[in-house]
Amino acid sequence: KLIAIGVFSPFFVPLKVLGMTAVLLALPWL
């Protein structure tokens, strides 16, 4: 499995991916 070295990586990395994916999903609207 992929590992998470940073203490807060398991929390912030998924949120970062969620935010970037939301931008892509809303791109036509933007």
ModelCIF file with pLDDT and N, C-alpha, C, O atoms, coordinates in Angstrom:
data_MODEL
#
_entry.id   MODEL 
#
_entity.id                         1 
_entity.type                       polymer 
_entity.pdbx_number_of_molecules   1 
#
_entity_poly.entity_id                      1 
_entity_poly.type                           'polypeptide(L)' 
_entity_poly.nstd_linkage                   no 
_entity_poly.nstd_monomer                   no 
_entity_poly.pdbx_seq_one_letter_code       KLIAIGVFSPFFVPLKVLGMTAVLLALPWL 
_entity_poly.pdbx_seq_one_letter_code_can   KLIAIGVFSPFFVPLKVLGMTAVLLALPWL 
_entity_poly.pdbx_strand_id                 A 
#
loop_
_entity_poly_seq.entity_id 
_entity_poly_seq.num 
_entity_poly_seq.mon_id 
_entity_poly_seq.hetero 
1 1  LYS n 
1 2  LEU n 
1 3  ILE n 
1 4  ALA n 
1 5  ILE n 
1 6  GLY n 
1 7  VAL n 
1 8  PHE n 
1 9  SER n 
1 10 PRO n 
1 11 PHE n 
1 12 PHE n 
1 13 VAL n 
1 14 PRO n 
1 15 LEU n 
1 16 LYS n 
1 17 VAL n 
1 18 LEU n 
1 19 GLY n 
1 20 MET n 
1 21 THR n 
1 22 ALA n 
1 23 VAL n 
1 24 LEU n 
1 25 LEU n 
1 26 ALA n 
1 27 LEU n 
1 28 PRO n 
1 29 TRP n 
1 30 LEU n 
#
_struct_asym.id          A 
_struct_asym.entity_id   1 
#
loop_
_ma_qa_metric.id 
_ma_qa_metric.mode 
_ma_qa_metric.name 
_ma_qa_metric.software_group_id 
_ma_qa_metric.type 
1 global pLDDT . pLDDT 
2 local  pLDDT . pLDDT 
#
_ma_qa_metric_global.metric_id      1 
_ma_qa_metric_global.metric_value   92.73 
_ma_qa_metric_global.model_id       1 
_ma_qa_metric_global.ordinal_id     1 
#
loop_
_ma_qa_metric_local.label_asym_id 
_ma_qa_metric_local.label_comp_id 
_ma_qa_metric_local.label_seq_id 
_ma_qa_metric_local.metric_id 
_ma_qa_metric_local.metric_value 
_ma_qa_metric_local.model_id 
_ma_qa_metric_local.ordinal_id 
A LYS 1  2 88.00 1 1  
A LEU 2  2 91.00 1 2  
A ILE 3  2 92.00 1 3  
A ALA 4  2 91.00 1 4  
A ILE 5  2 90.00 1 5  
A GLY 6  2 88.00 1 6  
A VAL 7  2 90.00 1 7  
A PHE 8  2 92.00 1 8  
A SER 9  2 92.00 1 9  
A PRO 10 2 91.00 1 10 
A PHE 11 2 92.00 1 11 
A PHE 12 2 94.00 1 12 
A VAL 13 2 94.00 1 13 
A PRO 14 2 94.00 1 14 
A LEU 15 2 94.00 1 15 
A LYS 16 2 94.00 1 16 
A VAL 17 2 95.00 1 17 
A LEU 18 2 96.00 1 18 
A GLY 19 2 95.00 1 19 
A MET 20 2 94.00 1 20 
A THR 21 2 95.00 1 21 
A ALA 22 2 96.00 1 22 
A VAL 23 2 95.00 1 23 
A LEU 24 2 93.00 1 24 
A LEU 25 2 94.00 1 25 
A ALA 26 2 95.00 1 26 
A LEU 27 2 92.00 1 27 
A PRO 28 2 89.00 1 28 
A TRP 29 2 93.00 1 29 
A LEU 30 2 93.00 1 30 
#
loop_
_atom_site.group_PDB 
_atom_site.id 
_atom_site.type_symbol 
_atom_site.label_atom_id 
_atom_site.label_alt_id 
_atom_site.label_comp_id 
_atom_site.label_asym_id 
_atom_site.label_entity_id 
_atom_site.label_seq_id 
_atom_site.pdbx_PDB_ins_code 
_atom_site.Cartn_x 
_atom_site.Cartn_y 
_atom_site.Cartn_z 
_atom_site.occupancy 
_atom_site.B_iso_or_equiv 
_atom_site.pdbx_formal_charge 
_atom_site.auth_seq_id 
_atom_site.auth_comp_id 
_atom_site.auth_asym_id 
_atom_site.auth_atom_id 
_atom_site.pdbx_PDB_model_num 
ATOM 1   N N  . LYS A 1 1  ? 0.843   -1.191 0.000   1.00 88.00 ? 1  LYS A N  1 
ATOM 2   C CA . LYS A 1 1  ? 0.000   0.000  0.000   1.00 88.00 ? 1  LYS A CA 1 
ATOM 3   C C  . LYS A 1 1  ? 0.877   1.240  0.000   1.00 88.00 ? 1  LYS A C  1 
ATOM 4   O O  . LYS A 1 1  ? 2.049   1.189  0.372   1.00 88.00 ? 1  LYS A O  1 
ATOM 5   N N  . LEU A 1 2  ? 0.293   2.350  -0.422  1.00 91.00 ? 2  LEU A N  1 
ATOM 6   C CA . LEU A 1 2  ? 0.981   3.625  -0.293  1.00 91.00 ? 2  LEU A CA 1 
ATOM 7   C C  . LEU A 1 2  ? 1.079   3.986  1.182   1.00 91.00 ? 2  LEU A C  1 
ATOM 8   O O  . LEU A 1 2  ? 0.217   3.615  1.978   1.00 91.00 ? 2  LEU A O  1 
ATOM 9   N N  . ILE A 1 3  ? 2.121   4.703  1.536   1.00 92.00 ? 3  ILE A N  1 
ATOM 10  C CA . ILE A 1 3  ? 2.309   5.066  2.936   1.00 92.00 ? 3  ILE A CA 1 
ATOM 11  C C  . ILE A 1 3  ? 2.106   6.564  3.115   1.00 92.00 ? 3  ILE A C  1 
ATOM 12  O O  . ILE A 1 3  ? 2.195   7.331  2.156   1.00 92.00 ? 3  ILE A O  1 
ATOM 13  N N  . ALA A 1 4  ? 1.834   6.973  4.341   1.00 91.00 ? 4  ALA A N  1 
ATOM 14  C CA . ALA A 1 4  ? 1.671   8.379  4.707   1.00 91.00 ? 4  ALA A CA 1 
ATOM 15  C C  . ALA A 1 4  ? 2.742   8.722  5.732   1.00 91.00 ? 4  ALA A C  1 
ATOM 16  O O  . ALA A 1 4  ? 2.659   8.312  6.890   1.00 91.00 ? 4  ALA A O  1 
ATOM 17  N N  . ILE A 1 5  ? 3.748   9.477  5.301   1.00 90.00 ? 5  ILE A N  1 
ATOM 18  C CA . ILE A 1 5  ? 4.845   9.826  6.203   1.00 90.00 ? 5  ILE A CA 1 
ATOM 19  C C  . ILE A 1 5  ? 4.454   10.962 7.129   1.00 90.00 ? 5  ILE A C  1 
ATOM 20  O O  . ILE A 1 5  ? 4.745   10.922 8.325   1.00 90.00 ? 5  ILE A O  1 
ATOM 21  N N  . GLY A 1 6  ? 3.793   11.979 6.581   1.00 88.00 ? 6  GLY A N  1 
ATOM 22  C CA . GLY A 1 6  ? 3.397   13.126 7.397   1.00 88.00 ? 6  GLY A CA 1 
ATOM 23  C C  . GLY A 1 6  ? 2.320   12.765 8.400   1.00 88.00 ? 6  GLY A C  1 
ATOM 24  O O  . GLY A 1 6  ? 1.501   11.876 8.165   1.00 88.00 ? 6  GLY A O  1 
ATOM 25  N N  . VAL A 1 7  ? 2.334   13.473 9.528   1.00 90.00 ? 7  VAL A N  1 
ATOM 26  C CA . VAL A 1 7  ? 1.360   13.209 10.593  1.00 90.00 ? 7  VAL A CA 1 
ATOM 27  C C  . VAL A 1 7  ? -0.059  13.497 10.112  1.00 90.00 ? 7  VAL A C  1 
ATOM 28  O O  . VAL A 1 7  ? -0.985  12.744 10.412  1.00 90.00 ? 7  VAL A O  1 
ATOM 29  N N  . PHE A 1 8  ? -0.227  14.585 9.367   1.00 92.00 ? 8  PHE A N  1 
ATOM 30  C CA . PHE A 1 8  ? -1.563  15.003 8.940   1.00 92.00 ? 8  PHE A CA 1 
ATOM 31  C C  . PHE A 1 8  ? -1.875  14.591 7.495   1.00 92.00 ? 8  PHE A C  1 
ATOM 32  O O  . PHE A 1 8  ? -2.940  14.927 6.978   1.00 92.00 ? 8  PHE A O  1 
ATOM 33  N N  . SER A 1 9  ? -0.973  13.877 6.850   1.00 92.00 ? 9  SER A N  1 
ATOM 34  C CA . SER A 1 9  ? -1.196  13.476 5.455   1.00 92.00 ? 9  SER A CA 1 
ATOM 35  C C  . SER A 1 9  ? -2.469  12.666 5.251   1.00 92.00 ? 9  SER A C  1 
ATOM 36  O O  . SER A 1 9  ? -3.172  12.903 4.269   1.00 92.00 ? 9  SER A O  1 
ATOM 37  N N  . PRO A 1 10 ? -2.806  11.711 6.139   1.00 91.00 ? 10 PRO A N  1 
ATOM 38  C CA . PRO A 1 10 ? -4.039  10.946 5.914   1.00 91.00 ? 10 PRO A CA 1 
ATOM 39  C C  . PRO A 1 10 ? -5.296  11.800 5.908   1.00 91.00 ? 10 PRO A C  1 
ATOM 40  O O  . PRO A 1 10 ? -6.334  11.376 5.400   1.00 91.00 ? 10 PRO A O  1 
ATOM 41  N N  . PHE A 1 11 ? -5.210  13.017 6.477   1.00 92.00 ? 11 PHE A N  1 
ATOM 42  C CA . PHE A 1 11 ? -6.371  13.899 6.510   1.00 92.00 ? 11 PHE A CA 1 
ATOM 43  C C  . PHE A 1 11 ? -6.340  14.918 5.378   1.00 92.00 ? 11 PHE A C  1 
ATOM 44  O O  . PHE A 1 11 ? -7.335  15.105 4.678   1.00 92.00 ? 11 PHE A O  1 
ATOM 45  N N  . PHE A 1 12 ? -5.193  15.579 5.199   1.00 94.00 ? 12 PHE A N  1 
ATOM 46  C CA . PHE A 1 12 ? -5.119  16.680 4.243   1.00 94.00 ? 12 PHE A CA 1 
ATOM 47  C C  . PHE A 1 12 ? -4.997  16.225 2.796   1.00 94.00 ? 12 PHE A C  1 
ATOM 48  O O  . PHE A 1 12 ? -5.545  16.877 1.908   1.00 94.00 ? 12 PHE A O  1 
ATOM 49  N N  . VAL A 1 13 ? -4.298  15.131 2.532   1.00 94.00 ? 13 VAL A N  1 
ATOM 50  C CA . VAL A 1 13 ? -4.125  14.686 1.147   1.00 94.00 ? 13 VAL A CA 1 
ATOM 51  C C  . VAL A 1 13 ? -5.458  14.321 0.503   1.00 94.00 ? 13 VAL A C  1 
ATOM 52  O O  . VAL A 1 13 ? -5.711  14.762 -0.618  1.00 94.00 ? 13 VAL A O  1 
ATOM 53  N N  . PRO A 1 14 ? -6.328  13.538 1.152   1.00 94.00 ? 14 PRO A N  1 
ATOM 54  C CA . PRO A 1 14 ? -7.637  13.270 0.537   1.00 94.00 ? 14 PRO A CA 1 
ATOM 55  C C  . PRO A 1 14 ? -8.457  14.533 0.303   1.00 94.00 ? 14 PRO A C  1 
ATOM 56  O O  . PRO A 1 14 ? -9.168  14.635 -0.697  1.00 94.00 ? 14 PRO A O  1 
ATOM 57  N N  . LEU A 1 15 ? -8.363  15.505 1.229   1.00 94.00 ? 15 LEU A N  1 
ATOM 58  C CA . LEU A 1 15 ? -9.087  16.762 1.020   1.00 94.00 ? 15 LEU A CA 1 
ATOM 59  C C  . LEU A 1 15 ? -8.526  17.532 -0.173  1.00 94.00 ? 15 LEU A C  1 
ATOM 60  O O  . LEU A 1 15 ? -9.278  18.153 -0.925  1.00 94.00 ? 15 LEU A O  1 
ATOM 61  N N  . LYS A 1 16 ? -7.209  17.489 -0.343  1.00 94.00 ? 16 LYS A N  1 
ATOM 62  C CA . LYS A 1 16 ? -6.586  18.149 -1.489  1.00 94.00 ? 16 LYS A CA 1 
ATOM 63  C C  . LYS A 1 16 ? -7.056  17.520 -2.790  1.00 94.00 ? 16 LYS A C  1 
ATOM 64  O O  . LYS A 1 16 ? -7.374  18.220 -3.751  1.00 94.00 ? 16 LYS A O  1 
ATOM 65  N N  . VAL A 1 17 ? -7.099  16.198 -2.813  1.00 95.00 ? 17 VAL A N  1 
ATOM 66  C CA . VAL A 1 17 ? -7.578  15.500 -4.019  1.00 95.00 ? 17 VAL A CA 1 
ATOM 67  C C  . VAL A 1 17 ? -9.047  15.824 -4.265  1.00 95.00 ? 17 VAL A C  1 
ATOM 68  O O  . VAL A 1 17 ? -9.456  16.016 -5.409  1.00 95.00 ? 17 VAL A O  1 
ATOM 69  N N  . LEU A 1 18 ? -9.841  15.885 -3.201  1.00 96.00 ? 18 LEU A N  1 
ATOM 70  C CA . LEU A 1 18 ? -11.257 16.227 -3.330  1.00 96.00 ? 18 LEU A CA 1 
ATOM 71  C C  . LEU A 1 18 ? -11.422 17.625 -3.929  1.00 96.00 ? 18 LEU A C  1 
ATOM 72  O O  . LEU A 1 18 ? -12.259 17.834 -4.807  1.00 96.00 ? 18 LEU A O  1 
ATOM 73  N N  . GLY A 1 19 ? -10.623 18.579 -3.453  1.00 95.00 ? 19 GLY A N  1 
ATOM 74  C CA . GLY A 1 19 ? -10.715 19.938 -3.964  1.00 95.00 ? 19 GLY A CA 1 
ATOM 75  C C  . GLY A 1 19 ? -10.336 20.027 -5.433  1.00 95.00 ? 19 GLY A C  1 
ATOM 76  O O  . GLY A 1 19 ? -11.024 20.686 -6.213  1.00 95.00 ? 19 GLY A O  1 
ATOM 77  N N  . MET A 1 20 ? -9.242  19.365 -5.820  1.00 94.00 ? 20 MET A N  1 
ATOM 78  C CA . MET A 1 20 ? -8.820  19.394 -7.215  1.00 94.00 ? 20 MET A CA 1 
ATOM 79  C C  . MET A 1 20 ? -9.839  18.715 -8.120  1.00 94.00 ? 20 MET A C  1 
ATOM 80  O O  . MET A 1 20 ? -10.097 19.181 -9.230  1.00 94.00 ? 20 MET A O  1 
ATOM 81  N N  . THR A 1 21 ? -10.411 17.626 -7.654  1.00 95.00 ? 21 THR A N  1 
ATOM 82  C CA . THR A 1 21 ? -11.419 16.925 -8.456  1.00 95.00 ? 21 THR A CA 1 
ATOM 83  C C  . THR A 1 21 ? -12.686 17.763 -8.595  1.00 95.00 ? 21 THR A C  1 
ATOM 84  O O  . THR A 1 21 ? -13.341 17.739 -9.637  1.00 95.00 ? 21 THR A O  1 
ATOM 85  N N  . ALA A 1 22 ? -13.029 18.508 -7.535  1.00 96.00 ? 22 ALA A N  1 
ATOM 86  C CA . ALA A 1 22 ? -14.193 19.390 -7.609  1.00 96.00 ? 22 ALA A CA 1 
ATOM 87  C C  . ALA A 1 22 ? -13.982 20.484 -8.655  1.00 96.00 ? 22 ALA A C  1 
ATOM 88  O O  . ALA A 1 22 ? -14.910 20.844 -9.379  1.00 96.00 ? 22 ALA A O  1 
ATOM 89  N N  . VAL A 1 23 ? -12.758 21.009 -8.729  1.00 95.00 ? 23 VAL A N  1 
ATOM 90  C CA . VAL A 1 23 ? -12.457 22.017 -9.754  1.00 95.00 ? 23 VAL A CA 1 
ATOM 91  C C  . VAL A 1 23 ? -12.623 21.431 -11.145 1.00 95.00 ? 23 VAL A C  1 
ATOM 92  O O  . VAL A 1 23 ? -13.196 22.072 -12.026 1.00 95.00 ? 23 VAL A O  1 
ATOM 93  N N  . LEU A 1 24 ? -12.130 20.224 -11.350 1.00 93.00 ? 24 LEU A N  1 
ATOM 94  C CA . LEU A 1 24 ? -12.255 19.577 -12.663 1.00 93.00 ? 24 LEU A CA 1 
ATOM 95  C C  . LEU A 1 24 ? -13.711 19.299 -13.010 1.00 93.00 ? 24 LEU A C  1 
ATOM 96  O O  . LEU A 1 24 ? -14.141 19.504 -14.145 1.00 93.00 ? 24 LEU A O  1 
ATOM 97  N N  . LEU A 1 25 ? -14.467 18.826 -12.013 1.00 94.00 ? 25 LEU A N  1 
ATOM 98  C CA . LEU A 1 25 ? -15.870 18.524 -12.263 1.00 94.00 ? 25 LEU A CA 1 
ATOM 99  C C  . LEU A 1 25 ? -16.661 19.784 -12.608 1.00 94.00 ? 25 LEU A C  1 
ATOM 100 O O  . LEU A 1 25 ? -17.555 19.752 -13.454 1.00 94.00 ? 25 LEU A O  1 
ATOM 101 N N  . ALA A 1 26 ? -16.326 20.888 -11.950 1.00 95.00 ? 26 ALA A N  1 
ATOM 102 C CA . ALA A 1 26 ? -17.053 22.144 -12.169 1.00 95.00 ? 26 ALA A CA 1 
ATOM 103 C C  . ALA A 1 26 ? -16.443 23.000 -13.268 1.00 95.00 ? 26 ALA A C  1 
ATOM 104 O O  . ALA A 1 26 ? -16.884 24.130 -13.474 1.00 95.00 ? 26 ALA A O  1 
ATOM 105 N N  . LEU A 1 27 ? -15.438 22.493 -13.980 1.00 92.00 ? 27 LEU A N  1 
ATOM 106 C CA . LEU A 1 27 ? -14.738 23.300 -14.979 1.00 92.00 ? 27 LEU A CA 1 
ATOM 107 C C  . LEU A 1 27 ? -15.664 23.902 -16.031 1.00 92.00 ? 27 LEU A C  1 
ATOM 108 O O  . LEU A 1 27 ? -15.545 25.097 -16.302 1.00 92.00 ? 27 LEU A O  1 
ATOM 109 N N  . PRO A 1 28 ? -16.581 23.146 -16.643 1.00 89.00 ? 28 PRO A N  1 
ATOM 110 C CA . PRO A 1 28 ? -17.486 23.789 -17.618 1.00 89.00 ? 28 PRO A CA 1 
ATOM 111 C C  . PRO A 1 28 ? -18.312 24.917 -17.006 1.00 89.00 ? 28 PRO A C  1 
ATOM 112 O O  . PRO A 1 28 ? -18.538 25.943 -17.648 1.00 89.00 ? 28 PRO A O  1 
ATOM 113 N N  . TRP A 1 29 ? -18.760 24.729 -15.773 1.00 93.00 ? 29 TRP A N  1 
ATOM 114 C CA . TRP A 1 29 ? -19.537 25.767 -15.083 1.00 93.00 ? 29 TRP A CA 1 
ATOM 115 C C  . TRP A 1 29 ? -18.683 27.005 -14.834 1.00 93.00 ? 29 TRP A C  1 
ATOM 116 O O  . TRP A 1 29 ? -19.158 28.125 -15.021 1.00 93.00 ? 29 TRP A O  1 
ATOM 117 N N  . LEU A 1 30 ? -17.431 26.824 -14.417 1.00 93.00 ? 30 LEU A N  1 
ATOM 118 C CA . LEU A 1 30 ? -16.528 27.941 -14.173 1.00 93.00 ? 30 LEU A CA 1 
ATOM 119 C C  . LEU A 1 30 ? -16.251 28.700 -15.472 1.00 93.00 ? 30 LEU A C  1 
ATOM 120 O O  . LEU A 1 30 ? -15.507 29.681 -15.467 1.00 93.00 ? 30 LEU A O  1 
#
